[in-house]
């Protein structure tokens, strides 16, 4: 009789644990799905406002829609970094296709909150994102805001231009980072489907620039500094994300050159 009661008690505890664990997992799954839906809708709204010229800066909650694996310490650069001995100094040359001097690209503040400043404001309750324009890759139906900066908050809401790299359409290496999300189509999730001769389009306030993909690489993170250098007299673009999806031990690079703009 005692053994029977003990067995029933153990079985009941096991069932309660199983139900509780299942409930927690279901709650986490639903929360993650809600998080991704909110991210997708926010990115779509931001993209539309940037393309229309309505808004160029956005104030967001720095703790909202986090991405698994991002740097929990600082907001300057994400988990893709640090990379030792990086040389991102600008060559200072002019792209032959534009024939113009490299602009300063100082953006006037236009946002949901008129009190926002143009500076990259980092506070405990708010964070200001500054737009460089939008990036689109038609072959994978990718359309995202392109932020001036590549910190963890920027990469939650689109792709980020690495500081000190070339500006869109100008001489040097335009280096852009993005998260390889597990959810299909989210951020740079489908970057692995990009092929040679595919187009990458960057729309900015000063015009639109089209790059053609000419090189696709998978490298060790320790090799990044070589591919991120901003040197030479060509107008280049380098997209960087983690690979494989959900693992992220290596880096996927999509390289291209300017063909119009």
Protein backbone atom coordinates (compact mmCIF):
# COMPACT_ATOMS: atom_id res chain seq x y z
CA UNK A 1 0.00 0.00 0.00
CA UNK A 2 2.81 2.40 0.92
CA UNK A 3 4.70 1.66 -2.26
CA UNK A 4 1.52 2.27 -4.27
CA UNK A 5 1.03 5.68 -2.65
CA UNK A 6 4.67 6.61 -3.17
CA UNK A 7 4.39 5.58 -6.81
CA UNK A 8 1.27 7.71 -7.27
CA UNK A 9 2.93 10.68 -5.58
CA UNK A 10 6.03 10.41 -7.76
CA UNK A 11 3.88 10.05 -10.87
CA UNK A 12 1.81 13.09 -9.90
CA UNK A 13 4.93 15.18 -9.28
CA UNK A 14 6.39 14.04 -12.60
CA UNK A 15 3.20 14.98 -14.45
CA UNK A 16 3.07 18.39 -12.75
CA UNK A 17 6.71 19.01 -13.66
CA UNK A 18 6.07 17.96 -17.24
CA UNK A 19 3.01 20.21 -17.51
CA UNK A 20 4.88 23.11 -15.90
CA UNK A 21 7.87 22.71 -18.20
CA UNK A 22 5.60 22.51 -21.23
CA UNK A 23 3.79 25.62 -20.14
CA UNK A 24 7.04 27.54 -19.72
CA UNK A 25 8.29 26.42 -23.14
CA UNK A 26 4.99 27.39 -24.75
CA UNK A 27 5.09 30.80 -23.05
CA UNK A 28 8.66 31.37 -24.26
CA UNK A 29 7.71 30.33 -27.79
CA UNK A 30 4.73 32.66 -27.88
CA UNK A 31 6.77 35.50 -26.43
CA UNK A 32 9.46 34.96 -29.08
CA UNK A 33 6.85 34.93 -31.84
CA UNK A 34 5.32 38.15 -30.51
CA UNK A 35 8.79 39.67 -30.31
CA UNK A 36 9.54 38.80 -33.94
CA UNK A 37 6.14 40.04 -35.12
CA UNK A 38 6.74 43.35 -33.34
CA UNK A 39 10.22 43.59 -34.86
CA UNK A 40 8.91 42.93 -38.37
CA UNK A 41 6.13 45.50 -38.07
CA UNK A 42 8.45 48.12 -36.57
CA UNK A 43 11.03 47.58 -39.33
CA UNK A 44 8.34 47.90 -42.01
CA UNK A 45 7.04 51.13 -40.48
CA UNK A 46 10.56 52.57 -40.14
CA UNK A 47 11.45 51.62 -43.72
CA UNK A 48 8.35 53.29 -45.12
CA UNK A 49 9.00 56.49 -43.18
CA UNK A 50 12.66 56.61 -44.24
CA UNK A 51 11.83 56.05 -47.92
CA UNK A 52 9.17 58.74 -47.84
CA UNK A 53 11.60 61.19 -46.25
CA UNK A 54 9.20 61.64 -43.34
CA UNK A 55 11.62 60.54 -40.61
CA UNK A 56 15.39 60.01 -40.42
CA UNK A 57 15.83 59.39 -36.67
CA UNK A 58 13.88 57.14 -34.35
CA UNK A 59 13.82 56.87 -30.57
CA UNK A 60 13.46 53.32 -29.28
CA UNK A 61 13.56 51.39 -26.04
CA UNK A 62 17.14 50.02 -25.78
CA UNK A 63 15.82 46.89 -24.07
CA UNK A 64 13.09 46.08 -26.59
CA UNK A 65 13.12 43.17 -29.09
CA UNK A 66 16.55 41.79 -28.10
CA UNK A 67 18.36 39.31 -30.32
CA UNK A 68 19.80 36.09 -28.93
CA UNK A 69 23.60 36.14 -28.99
CA UNK A 70 24.10 39.90 -29.10
CA UNK A 71 26.66 41.60 -26.88
CA UNK A 72 24.97 42.13 -23.49
CA UNK A 73 27.63 44.56 -22.28
CA UNK A 74 27.82 47.48 -24.68
CA UNK A 75 25.91 48.94 -27.60
CA UNK A 76 28.83 50.02 -29.76
CA UNK A 77 29.39 46.81 -31.74
CA UNK A 78 27.54 43.48 -31.67
CA UNK A 79 28.67 39.90 -31.16
CA UNK A 80 30.43 39.97 -34.55
CA UNK A 81 33.25 41.84 -32.83
CA UNK A 82 35.77 42.70 -31.44
CA UNK A 83 38.27 41.98 -34.19
CA UNK A 84 41.91 42.84 -33.36
CA UNK A 85 44.05 45.21 -35.43
CA UNK A 86 41.21 46.53 -37.60
CA UNK A 87 42.12 49.31 -40.00
CA UNK A 88 39.00 51.10 -41.21
CA UNK A 89 40.65 54.39 -42.08
CA UNK A 90 39.14 56.14 -45.10
CA UNK A 91 41.19 56.52 -48.24
CA UNK A 92 39.73 59.98 -48.81
CA UNK A 93 39.41 59.36 -52.54
CA UNK A 94 36.45 60.13 -54.76
CA UNK A 95 34.41 57.48 -56.54
CA UNK A 96 34.77 57.85 -60.33
CA UNK A 97 31.04 57.25 -60.84
CA UNK A 98 30.02 60.16 -58.62
CA UNK A 99 32.85 62.64 -59.18
CA UNK A 100 31.94 64.33 -55.91
CA UNK A 101 33.71 64.85 -52.63
CA UNK A 102 32.78 62.51 -49.80
CA UNK A 103 29.95 64.14 -47.85
CA UNK A 104 29.71 64.55 -44.11
CA UNK A 105 26.18 63.08 -44.06
CA UNK A 106 25.08 65.00 -41.00
CA UNK A 107 21.37 64.33 -40.64
CA UNK A 108 18.80 66.77 -39.35
CA UNK A 109 16.73 65.40 -36.52
CA UNK A 110 13.24 64.46 -37.59
CA UNK A 111 11.58 61.88 -35.39
CA UNK A 112 8.61 60.86 -33.33
CA UNK A 113 9.99 62.96 -30.48
CA UNK A 114 10.93 66.52 -31.45
CA UNK A 115 13.21 66.69 -28.41
CA UNK A 116 15.58 64.09 -29.85
CA UNK A 117 19.06 65.33 -30.68
CA UNK A 118 21.15 64.39 -33.71
CA UNK A 119 23.86 62.94 -31.48
CA UNK A 120 23.89 59.18 -30.89
CA UNK A 121 22.10 59.41 -27.59
CA UNK A 122 22.43 56.44 -25.28
CA UNK A 123 20.33 56.54 -22.14
CA UNK A 124 18.84 53.96 -19.82
CA UNK A 125 15.34 54.51 -21.16
CA UNK A 126 15.88 55.58 -24.78
CA UNK A 127 18.18 55.12 -27.74
CA UNK A 128 18.29 57.16 -30.93
CA UNK A 129 18.72 55.42 -34.27
CA UNK A 130 20.03 57.51 -37.19
CA UNK A 131 19.16 56.43 -40.70
CA UNK A 132 21.56 56.34 -43.65
CA UNK A 133 18.71 55.21 -45.89
CA UNK A 134 17.49 51.73 -46.76
CA UNK A 135 19.11 48.60 -48.17
CA UNK A 136 17.30 46.24 -50.51
CA UNK A 137 18.33 42.90 -52.03
CA UNK A 138 15.58 42.00 -54.53
CA UNK A 139 16.70 38.38 -55.05
CA UNK A 140 15.87 37.52 -51.43
CA UNK A 141 13.04 40.03 -50.84
CA UNK A 142 15.14 41.88 -48.28
CA UNK A 143 14.25 45.51 -47.49
CA UNK A 144 15.62 47.06 -44.31
CA UNK A 145 16.58 50.38 -42.76
CA UNK A 146 20.30 51.08 -43.02
CA UNK A 147 21.50 52.67 -39.79
CA UNK A 148 24.50 54.93 -39.26
CA UNK A 149 26.15 52.66 -36.73
CA UNK A 150 26.32 48.92 -36.13
CA UNK A 151 25.65 48.50 -32.43
CA UNK A 152 23.38 45.89 -30.91
CA UNK A 153 20.34 48.19 -30.89
CA UNK A 154 20.80 49.22 -34.54
CA UNK A 155 21.00 45.59 -35.65
CA UNK A 156 17.68 44.74 -33.98
CA UNK A 157 15.91 47.08 -36.39
CA UNK A 158 17.78 46.55 -39.67
CA UNK A 159 21.31 46.58 -41.02
CA UNK A 160 24.12 48.75 -39.68
CA UNK A 161 26.85 50.69 -41.47
CA UNK A 162 30.19 50.24 -39.70
CA UNK A 163 31.66 53.60 -38.61
CA UNK A 164 34.66 54.90 -40.61
CA UNK A 165 33.78 52.78 -43.63
CA UNK A 166 32.84 54.29 -46.98
CA UNK A 167 29.49 55.99 -47.49
CA UNK A 168 27.09 54.60 -50.12
CA UNK A 169 28.27 55.42 -53.62
CA UNK A 170 31.72 56.62 -52.63
CA UNK A 171 35.25 55.29 -52.83
CA UNK A 172 36.22 52.69 -50.30
CA UNK A 173 34.52 49.76 -48.63
CA UNK A 174 30.92 50.19 -47.47
CA UNK A 175 30.74 47.60 -44.66
CA UNK A 176 27.26 46.59 -43.48
CA UNK A 177 26.41 44.19 -40.65
CA UNK A 178 23.19 42.29 -40.02
CA UNK A 179 21.87 39.48 -37.83
CA UNK A 180 21.27 36.02 -39.33
CA UNK A 181 17.96 35.36 -37.60
CA UNK A 182 16.41 31.89 -37.32
CA UNK A 183 13.03 33.14 -38.50
CA UNK A 184 12.75 32.89 -42.27
CA UNK A 185 13.07 36.27 -43.96
CA UNK A 186 13.94 38.16 -40.77
CA UNK A 187 16.82 40.66 -41.15
CA UNK A 188 19.73 38.87 -42.94
CA UNK A 189 18.24 35.37 -42.51
CA UNK A 190 18.21 34.71 -46.28
CA UNK A 191 21.61 36.23 -47.06
CA UNK A 192 22.93 32.74 -47.78
CA UNK A 193 20.62 32.60 -50.83
CA UNK A 194 22.31 35.58 -52.51
CA UNK A 195 24.18 34.65 -55.69
CA UNK A 196 26.85 36.09 -57.94
CA UNK A 197 25.56 39.01 -60.08
CA UNK A 198 22.65 39.68 -57.68
CA UNK A 199 21.96 43.35 -57.00
CA UNK A 200 22.22 45.26 -53.73
CA UNK A 201 20.53 48.66 -53.76
CA UNK A 202 21.16 51.44 -51.24
CA UNK A 203 18.72 54.36 -51.16
CA UNK A 204 19.88 57.53 -49.40
CA UNK A 205 18.84 61.17 -49.23
CA UNK A 206 21.49 61.97 -51.84
CA UNK A 207 20.45 59.27 -54.32
CA UNK A 208 20.24 55.54 -55.01
CA UNK A 209 23.26 53.31 -55.57
CA UNK A 210 23.31 49.81 -57.03
CA UNK A 211 26.04 47.26 -56.34
CA UNK A 212 26.55 43.92 -58.08
CA UNK A 213 27.66 40.88 -56.08
CA UNK A 214 30.97 39.48 -57.34
CA UNK A 215 32.29 37.40 -54.42
CA UNK A 216 30.74 35.20 -51.72
CA UNK A 217 32.87 33.90 -48.86
CA UNK A 218 32.59 32.00 -45.59
CA UNK A 219 35.44 32.87 -43.25
CA UNK A 220 36.61 32.54 -39.67
CA UNK A 221 35.85 35.63 -37.55
CA UNK A 222 39.58 36.20 -37.08
CA UNK A 223 39.85 37.02 -40.82
CA UNK A 224 37.28 39.84 -40.75
CA UNK A 225 39.73 42.72 -40.39
CA UNK A 226 41.23 42.01 -43.82
CA UNK A 227 37.85 42.18 -45.59
CA UNK A 228 36.71 45.27 -43.68
CA UNK A 229 39.59 47.54 -44.68
CA UNK A 230 38.51 50.80 -46.29
CA UNK A 231 41.29 51.19 -48.84
CA UNK A 232 41.77 51.46 -52.60
CA UNK A 233 40.15 53.52 -55.33
CA UNK A 234 37.14 51.26 -56.00
CA UNK A 235 33.60 51.61 -54.69
CA UNK A 236 32.98 48.36 -52.82
CA UNK A 237 30.32 46.91 -50.54
CA UNK A 238 30.72 44.14 -47.95
CA UNK A 239 27.75 42.56 -46.18
CA UNK A 240 28.59 40.52 -43.08
CA UNK A 241 26.50 38.13 -41.02
CA UNK A 242 26.93 34.99 -38.95
CA UNK A 243 26.71 31.47 -40.35
CA UNK A 244 25.44 28.76 -40.04
CA UNK A 245 21.98 29.93 -38.99
CA UNK A 246 21.48 29.36 -35.27
CA UNK A 247 25.15 28.48 -34.73
CA UNK A 248 27.14 31.49 -35.92
CA UNK A 249 30.65 30.09 -35.60
CA UNK A 250 31.71 31.55 -38.97
CA UNK A 251 30.99 34.71 -40.96
CA UNK A 252 29.23 34.91 -44.31
CA UNK A 253 30.48 37.74 -46.54
CA UNK A 254 28.74 39.09 -49.63
CA UNK A 255 31.06 41.38 -51.61
CA UNK A 256 30.21 43.58 -54.55
CA UNK A 257 31.12 46.64 -56.61
CA UNK A 258 29.20 49.77 -57.58
CA UNK A 259 27.61 49.68 -61.03
CA UNK A 260 25.30 52.70 -60.93
CA UNK A 261 24.51 55.76 -58.86
